[in-house]
PDB file of N, CA and C in Angstrom:
ATOM      1  N   MET A   1     -19.338 -49.153  13.764  1.00  0.00           N
ATOM      2  CA  MET A   1     -18.626 -48.023  14.317  1.00  0.00           C
ATOM      3  C   MET A   1     -18.394 -48.305  15.800  1.00  0.00           C
ATOM      4  N   TYR A   2     -17.250 -47.909  16.292  1.00  0.00           N
ATOM      5  CA  TYR A   2     -16.958 -48.039  17.712  1.00  0.00           C
ATOM      6  C   TYR A   2     -16.154 -46.831  18.164  1.00  0.00           C
ATOM      7  N   ALA A   3     -16.057 -46.666  19.478  1.00  0.00           N
ATOM      8  CA  ALA A   3     -15.258 -45.587  20.052  1.00  0.00           C
ATOM      9  C   ALA A   3     -14.546 -46.124  21.283  1.00  0.00           C
ATOM     10  N   ILE A   4     -13.349 -45.652  21.514  1.00  0.00           N
ATOM     11  CA  ILE A   4     -12.629 -45.965  22.739  1.00  0.00           C
ATOM     12  C   ILE A   4     -12.878 -44.795  23.683  1.00  0.00           C
ATOM     13  N   VAL A   5     -13.496 -45.073  24.833  1.00  0.00           N
ATOM     14  CA  VAL A   5     -13.840 -44.012  25.793  1.00  0.00           C
ATOM     15  C   VAL A   5     -13.076 -44.226  27.091  1.00  0.00           C
ATOM     16  N   ARG A   6     -12.946 -43.153  27.858  1.00  0.00           N
ATOM     17  CA  ARG A   6     -12.245 -43.212  29.132  1.00  0.00           C
ATOM     18  C   ARG A   6     -13.214 -42.847  30.249  1.00  0.00           C
ATOM     19  N   THR A   7     -13.291 -43.692  31.267  1.00  0.00           N
ATOM     20  CA  THR A   7     -14.068 -43.407  32.472  1.00  0.00           C
ATOM     21  C   THR A   7     -13.479 -44.209  33.621  1.00  0.00           C
ATOM     22  N   GLY A   8     -13.397 -43.615  34.777  1.00  0.00           N
ATOM     23  CA  GLY A   8     -12.860 -44.303  35.947  1.00  0.00           C
ATOM     24  C   GLY A   8     -11.392 -44.661  35.823  1.00  0.00           C
ATOM     25  N   GLY A   9     -10.631 -43.919  34.999  1.00  0.00           N
ATOM     26  CA  GLY A   9      -9.214 -44.193  34.837  1.00  0.00           C
ATOM     27  C   GLY A   9      -8.910 -45.355  33.908  1.00  0.00           C
ATOM     28  N   ARG A  10      -9.929 -45.901  33.260  1.00  0.00           N
ATOM     29  CA  ARG A  10      -9.743 -47.014  32.341  1.00  0.00           C
ATOM     30  C   ARG A  10     -10.308 -46.674  30.972  1.00  0.00           C
ATOM     31  N   GLN A  11      -9.923 -47.448  29.989  1.00  0.00           N
ATOM     32  CA  GLN A  11     -10.417 -47.254  28.635  1.00  0.00           C
ATOM     33  C   GLN A  11     -11.290 -48.441  28.246  1.00  0.00           C
ATOM     34  N   TYR A  12     -12.382 -48.158  27.541  1.00  0.00           N
ATOM     35  CA  TYR A  12     -13.332 -49.189  27.136  1.00  0.00           C
ATOM     36  C   TYR A  12     -13.696 -49.006  25.673  1.00  0.00           C
ATOM     37  N   ARG A  13     -13.993 -50.103  25.012  1.00  0.00           N
ATOM     38  CA  ARG A  13     -14.491 -50.053  23.635  1.00  0.00           C
ATOM     39  C   ARG A  13     -16.011 -49.991  23.702  1.00  0.00           C
ATOM     40  N   ALA A  14     -16.581 -48.913  23.215  1.00  0.00           N
ATOM     41  CA  ALA A  14     -18.029 -48.709  23.235  1.00  0.00           C
ATOM     42  C   ALA A  14     -18.576 -48.827  21.820  1.00  0.00           C
ATOM     43  N   GLU A  15     -19.688 -49.542  21.685  1.00  0.00           N
ATOM     44  CA  GLU A  15     -20.367 -49.708  20.410  1.00  0.00           C
ATOM     45  C   GLU A  15     -21.848 -49.438  20.612  1.00  0.00           C
ATOM     46  N   PRO A  16     -22.539 -48.966  19.588  1.00  0.00           N
ATOM     47  CA  PRO A  16     -23.975 -48.722  19.710  1.00  0.00           C
ATOM     48  C   PRO A  16     -24.715 -50.008  20.093  1.00  0.00           C
ATOM     49  N   GLY A  17     -25.556 -49.923  21.111  1.00  0.00           N
ATOM     50  CA  GLY A  17     -26.354 -51.058  21.543  1.00  0.00           C
ATOM     51  C   GLY A  17     -25.659 -52.027  22.472  1.00  0.00           C
ATOM     52  N   LYS A  18     -24.366 -51.854  22.741  1.00  0.00           N
ATOM     53  CA  LYS A  18     -23.619 -52.746  23.625  1.00  0.00           C
ATOM     54  C   LYS A  18     -23.630 -52.222  25.057  1.00  0.00           C
ATOM     55  N   VAL A  19     -23.496 -53.123  26.021  1.00  0.00           N
ATOM     56  CA  VAL A  19     -23.419 -52.765  27.435  1.00  0.00           C
ATOM     57  C   VAL A  19     -21.985 -52.987  27.893  1.00  0.00           C
ATOM     58  N   ILE A  20     -21.398 -51.975  28.550  1.00  0.00           N
ATOM     59  CA  ILE A  20     -20.057 -52.128  29.112  1.00  0.00           C
ATOM     60  C   ILE A  20     -20.150 -51.968  30.618  1.00  0.00           C
ATOM     61  N   ASP A  21     -19.335 -52.719  31.339  1.00  0.00           N
ATOM     62  CA  ASP A  21     -19.328 -52.718  32.793  1.00  0.00           C
ATOM     63  C   ASP A  21     -18.201 -51.797  33.262  1.00  0.00           C
ATOM     64  N   VAL A  22     -18.560 -50.640  33.853  1.00  0.00           N
ATOM     65  CA  VAL A  22     -17.574 -49.663  34.306  1.00  0.00           C
ATOM     66  C   VAL A  22     -17.732 -49.445  35.806  1.00  0.00           C
ATOM     67  N   GLU A  23     -16.773 -48.730  36.387  1.00  0.00           N
ATOM     68  CA  GLU A  23     -16.873 -48.389  37.798  1.00  0.00           C
ATOM     69  C   GLU A  23     -18.058 -47.460  38.019  1.00  0.00           C
ATOM     70  N   LYS A  24     -18.491 -47.329  39.256  1.00  0.00           N
ATOM     71  CA  LYS A  24     -19.678 -46.556  39.583  1.00  0.00           C
ATOM     72  C   LYS A  24     -19.565 -45.118  39.083  1.00  0.00           C
ATOM     73  N   LEU A  25     -20.639 -44.641  38.464  1.00  0.00           N
ATOM     74  CA  LEU A  25     -20.695 -43.281  37.935  1.00  0.00           C
ATOM     75  C   LEU A  25     -21.550 -42.413  38.855  1.00  0.00           C
ATOM     76  N   PRO A  26     -21.290 -41.105  38.900  1.00  0.00           N
ATOM     77  CA  PRO A  26     -22.008 -40.218  39.826  1.00  0.00           C
ATOM     78  C   PRO A  26     -23.387 -39.784  39.315  1.00  0.00           C
ATOM     79  N   VAL A  27     -24.133 -40.695  38.703  1.00  0.00           N
ATOM     80  CA  VAL A  27     -25.482 -40.407  38.223  1.00  0.00           C
ATOM     81  C   VAL A  27     -26.395 -41.561  38.599  1.00  0.00           C
ATOM     82  N   GLU A  28     -27.691 -41.310  38.566  1.00  0.00           N
ATOM     83  CA  GLU A  28     -28.663 -42.337  38.910  1.00  0.00           C
ATOM     84  C   GLU A  28     -28.896 -43.278  37.732  1.00  0.00           C
ATOM     85  N   ALA A  29     -29.393 -44.476  38.023  1.00  0.00           N
ATOM     86  CA  ALA A  29     -29.732 -45.425  36.962  1.00  0.00           C
ATOM     87  C   ALA A  29     -30.830 -44.829  36.090  1.00  0.00           C
ATOM     88  N   GLY A  30     -30.679 -44.961  34.792  1.00  0.00           N
ATOM     89  CA  GLY A  30     -31.627 -44.401  33.840  1.00  0.00           C
ATOM     90  C   GLY A  30     -31.212 -43.048  33.292  1.00  0.00           C
ATOM     91  N   ASP A  31     -30.247 -42.388  33.934  1.00  0.00           N
ATOM     92  CA  ASP A  31     -29.760 -41.090  33.463  1.00  0.00           C
ATOM     93  C   ASP A  31     -28.750 -41.274  32.334  1.00  0.00           C
ATOM     94  N   THR A  32     -28.545 -40.221  31.556  1.00  0.00           N
ATOM     95  CA  THR A  32     -27.585 -40.232  30.460  1.00  0.00           C
ATOM     96  C   THR A  32     -26.331 -39.481  30.887  1.00  0.00           C
ATOM     97  N   ILE A  33     -25.179 -39.967  30.451  1.00  0.00           N
ATOM     98  CA  ILE A  33     -23.905 -39.336  30.777  1.00  0.00           C
ATOM     99  C   ILE A  33     -23.072 -39.257  29.497  1.00  0.00           C
ATOM    100  N   ASP A  34     -22.261 -38.210  29.371  1.00  0.00           N
ATOM    101  CA  ASP A  34     -21.367 -38.057  28.224  1.00  0.00           C
ATOM    102  C   ASP A  34     -19.980 -38.543  28.634  1.00  0.00           C
ATOM    103  N   LEU A  35     -19.379 -39.410  27.811  1.00  0.00           N
ATOM    104  CA  LEU A  35     -18.063 -39.965  28.099  1.00  0.00           C
ATOM    105  C   LEU A  35     -17.020 -39.332  27.189  1.00  0.00           C
ATOM    106  N   GLU A  36     -15.808 -39.126  27.721  1.00  0.00           N
ATOM    107  CA  GLU A  36     -14.707 -38.565  26.940  1.00  0.00           C
ATOM    108  C   GLU A  36     -14.278 -39.579  25.883  1.00  0.00           C
ATOM    109  N   THR A  37     -14.113 -39.124  24.665  1.00  0.00           N
ATOM    110  CA  THR A  37     -13.742 -40.011  23.579  1.00  0.00           C
ATOM    111  C   THR A  37     -12.253 -39.880  23.275  1.00  0.00           C
ATOM    112  N   LEU A  38     -11.552 -41.000  23.264  1.00  0.00           N
ATOM    113  CA  LEU A  38     -10.130 -40.995  22.954  1.00  0.00           C
ATOM    114  C   LEU A  38      -9.866 -41.291  21.491  1.00  0.00           C
ATOM    115  N   LEU A  39     -10.556 -42.258  20.926  1.00  0.00           N
ATOM    116  CA  LEU A  39     -10.336 -42.637  19.548  1.00  0.00           C
ATOM    117  C   LEU A  39     -11.674 -43.050  18.959  1.00  0.00           C
ATOM    118  N   VAL A  40     -11.958 -42.592  17.763  1.00  0.00           N
ATOM    119  CA  VAL A  40     -13.194 -42.953  17.090  1.00  0.00           C
ATOM    120  C   VAL A  40     -12.841 -43.593  15.768  1.00  0.00           C
ATOM    121  N   ALA A  41     -13.400 -44.743  15.486  1.00  0.00           N
ATOM    122  CA  ALA A  41     -13.151 -45.409  14.211  1.00  0.00           C
ATOM    123  C   ALA A  41     -14.431 -45.387  13.389  1.00  0.00           C
ATOM    124  N   PRO A  42     -14.502 -44.556  12.357  1.00  0.00           N
ATOM    125  CA  PRO A  42     -15.693 -44.522  11.512  1.00  0.00           C
ATOM    126  C   PRO A  42     -15.803 -45.790  10.675  1.00  0.00           C
ATOM    127  N   ASP A  43     -16.963 -46.020  10.078  1.00  0.00           N
ATOM    128  CA  ASP A  43     -17.190 -47.212   9.260  1.00  0.00           C
ATOM    129  C   ASP A  43     -16.257 -47.264   8.057  1.00  0.00           C
ATOM    130  N   GLU A  44     -15.931 -46.119   7.500  1.00  0.00           N
ATOM    131  CA  GLU A  44     -15.058 -46.079   6.330  1.00  0.00           C
ATOM    132  C   GLU A  44     -13.890 -45.128   6.592  1.00  0.00           C
ATOM    133  N   GLY A  45     -12.748 -45.401   6.000  1.00  0.00           N
ATOM    134  CA  GLY A  45     -11.613 -44.490   6.102  1.00  0.00           C
ATOM    135  C   GLY A  45     -10.751 -44.746   7.326  1.00  0.00           C
ATOM    136  N   ASP A  46      -9.804 -43.840   7.525  1.00  0.00           N
ATOM    137  CA  ASP A  46      -8.873 -43.953   8.640  1.00  0.00           C
ATOM    138  C   ASP A  46      -9.537 -43.522   9.939  1.00  0.00           C
ATOM    139  N   PRO A  47      -9.134 -44.118  11.068  1.00  0.00           N
ATOM    140  CA  PRO A  47      -9.705 -43.710  12.356  1.00  0.00           C
ATOM    141  C   PRO A  47      -9.245 -42.309  12.745  1.00  0.00           C
ATOM    142  N   LEU A  48     -10.093 -41.615  13.496  1.00  0.00           N
ATOM    143  CA  LEU A  48      -9.723 -40.307  14.051  1.00  0.00           C
ATOM    144  C   LEU A  48      -9.027 -40.556  15.370  1.00  0.00           C
ATOM    145  N   ILE A  49      -7.829 -40.037  15.525  1.00  0.00           N
ATOM    146  CA  ILE A  49      -7.066 -40.250  16.749  1.00  0.00           C
ATOM    147  C   ILE A  49      -6.897 -38.915  17.444  1.00  0.00           C
ATOM    148  N   GLY A  50      -7.275 -38.858  18.720  1.00  0.00           N
ATOM    149  CA  GLY A  50      -7.203 -37.618  19.473  1.00  0.00           C
ATOM    150  C   GLY A  50      -5.854 -37.397  20.124  1.00  0.00           C
ATOM    151  N   HIS A  51      -5.566 -36.133  20.402  1.00  0.00           N
ATOM    152  CA  HIS A  51      -4.319 -35.739  21.080  1.00  0.00           C
ATOM    153  C   HIS A  51      -4.646 -34.811  22.218  1.00  0.00           C
ATOM    154  N   PRO A  52      -5.114 -35.140  23.389  1.00  0.00           N
ATOM    155  CA  PRO A  52      -5.459 -36.486  23.832  1.00  0.00           C
ATOM    156  C   PRO A  52      -6.886 -36.895  23.480  1.00  0.00           C
ATOM    157  N   LEU A  53      -7.790 -35.940  23.191  1.00  0.00           N
ATOM    158  CA  LEU A  53      -9.176 -36.283  22.882  1.00  0.00           C
ATOM    159  C   LEU A  53      -9.531 -35.859  21.468  1.00  0.00           C
ATOM    160  N   VAL A  54     -10.498 -36.541  20.883  1.00  0.00           N
ATOM    161  CA  VAL A  54     -11.008 -36.151  19.575  1.00  0.00           C
ATOM    162  C   VAL A  54     -11.971 -34.993  19.796  1.00  0.00           C
ATOM    163  N   GLU A  55     -11.720 -33.872  19.132  1.00  0.00           N
ATOM    164  CA  GLU A  55     -12.547 -32.679  19.299  1.00  0.00           C
ATOM    165  C   GLU A  55     -13.918 -32.859  18.652  1.00  0.00           C
ATOM    166  N   GLY A  56     -14.968 -32.422  19.339  1.00  0.00           N
ATOM    167  CA  GLY A  56     -16.310 -32.411  18.789  1.00  0.00           C
ATOM    168  C   GLY A  56     -17.020 -33.749  18.761  1.00  0.00           C
ATOM    169  N   VAL A  57     -16.443 -34.774  19.361  1.00  0.00           N
ATOM    170  CA  VAL A  57     -17.079 -36.093  19.385  1.00  0.00           C
ATOM    171  C   VAL A  57     -17.401 -36.451  20.828  1.00  0.00           C
ATOM    172  N   VAL A  58     -18.651 -36.843  21.061  1.00  0.00           N
ATOM    173  CA  VAL A  58     -19.090 -37.213  22.407  1.00  0.00           C
ATOM    174  C   VAL A  58     -19.847 -38.532  22.322  1.00  0.00           C
ATOM    175  N   VAL A  59     -19.617 -39.413  23.278  1.00  0.00           N
ATOM    176  CA  VAL A  59     -20.366 -40.662  23.367  1.00  0.00           C
ATOM    177  C   VAL A  59     -21.416 -40.476  24.459  1.00  0.00           C
ATOM    178  N   HIS A  60     -22.677 -40.618  24.081  1.00  0.00           N
ATOM    179  CA  HIS A  60     -23.774 -40.520  25.039  1.00  0.00           C
ATOM    180  C   HIS A  60     -24.099 -41.927  25.528  1.00  0.00           C
ATOM    181  N   ALA A  61     -24.071 -42.138  26.831  1.00  0.00           N
ATOM    182  CA  ALA A  61     -24.340 -43.456  27.408  1.00  0.00           C
ATOM    183  C   ALA A  61     -25.461 -43.342  28.433  1.00  0.00           C
ATOM    184  N   THR A  62     -26.233 -44.395  28.563  1.00  0.00           N
ATOM    185  CA  THR A  62     -27.300 -44.455  29.555  1.00  0.00           C
ATOM    186  C   THR A  62     -26.899 -45.452  30.630  1.00  0.00           C
ATOM    187  N   VAL A  63     -26.995 -45.054  31.900  1.00  0.00           N
ATOM    188  CA  VAL A  63     -26.663 -45.927  33.017  1.00  0.00           C
ATOM    189  C   VAL A  63     -27.821 -46.906  33.196  1.00  0.00           C
ATOM    190  N   VAL A  64     -27.537 -48.185  33.065  1.00  0.00           N
ATOM    191  CA  VAL A  64     -28.580 -49.204  33.168  1.00  0.00           C
ATOM    192  C   VAL A  64     -28.876 -49.515  34.626  1.00  0.00           C
ATOM    193  N   GLU A  65     -27.836 -49.795  35.416  1.00  0.00           N
ATOM    194  CA  GLU A  65     -28.025 -50.118  36.828  1.00  0.00           C
ATOM    195  C   GLU A  65     -26.708 -49.959  37.582  1.00  0.00           C
ATOM    196  N   HIS A  66     -26.809 -49.864  38.897  1.00  0.00           N
ATOM    197  CA  HIS A  66     -25.654 -49.905  39.787  1.00  0.00           C
ATOM    198  C   HIS A  66     -25.741 -51.217  40.559  1.00  0.00           C
ATOM    199  N   TYR A  67     -24.602 -51.847  40.790  1.00  0.00           N
ATOM    200  CA  TYR A  67     -24.613 -53.081  41.571  1.00  0.00           C
ATOM    201  C   TYR A  67     -23.318 -53.194  42.346  1.00  0.00           C
ATOM    202  N   ARG A  68     -23.316 -54.091  43.306  1.00  0.00           N
ATOM    203  CA  ARG A  68     -22.114 -54.376  44.086  1.00  0.00           C
ATOM    204  C   ARG A  68     -21.747 -55.826  43.874  1.00  0.00           C
ATOM    205  N   ALA A  69     -20.478 -56.072  43.692  1.00  0.00           N
ATOM    206  CA  ALA A  69     -19.999 -57.442  43.514  1.00  0.00           C
ATOM    207  C   ALA A  69     -20.038 -58.185  44.855  1.00  0.00           C
ATOM    208  N   LYS A  70     -19.987 -59.490  44.788  1.00  0.00           N
ATOM    209  CA  LYS A  70     -19.983 -60.306  45.989  1.00  0.00           C
ATOM    210  C   LYS A  70     -18.754 -59.998  46.841  1.00  0.00           C
ATOM    211  N   LYS A  71     -18.937 -59.866  48.147  1.00  0.00           N
ATOM    212  CA  LYS A  71     -17.829 -59.561  49.058  1.00  0.00           C
ATOM    213  C   LYS A  71     -16.911 -60.766  49.179  1.00  0.00           C
ATOM    214  N   ILE A  72     -15.630 -60.508  49.127  1.00  0.00           N
ATOM    215  CA  ILE A  72     -14.628 -61.582  49.231  1.00  0.00           C
ATOM    216  C   ILE A  72     -13.958 -61.497  50.593  1.00  0.00           C
ATOM    217  N   LEU A  73     -14.002 -62.587  51.351  1.00  0.00           N
ATOM    218  CA  LEU A  73     -13.371 -62.647  52.664  1.00  0.00           C
ATOM    219  C   LEU A  73     -12.090 -63.464  52.573  1.00  0.00           C
ATOM    220  N   ILE A  74     -10.997 -62.943  53.106  1.00  0.00           N
ATOM    221  CA  ILE A  74      -9.714 -63.621  53.118  1.00  0.00           C
ATOM    222  C   ILE A  74      -9.328 -63.868  54.565  1.00  0.00           C
ATOM    223  N   TRP A  75      -9.055 -65.115  54.900  1.00  0.00           N
ATOM    224  CA  TRP A  75      -8.725 -65.471  56.288  1.00  0.00           C
ATOM    225  C   TRP A  75      -7.261 -65.604  56.481  1.00  0.00           C
TER     226      TRP A  75
END
């Protein structure tokens, strides 16, 4: 099972047990956040497609860590 979620103006494919790299979220590391679900594909049958969101479906995610990428200098 997977879900397409929206956060930070982008869409991501979320699966149980997988880690996705998203823009910084307004919660502390270790906290849980609910993500808006755009499309949910169940294991069997046709996928549920939202207009714009699928009603009654929420993806619960746990923030693992916050980090900053290496600074890029352009001369």
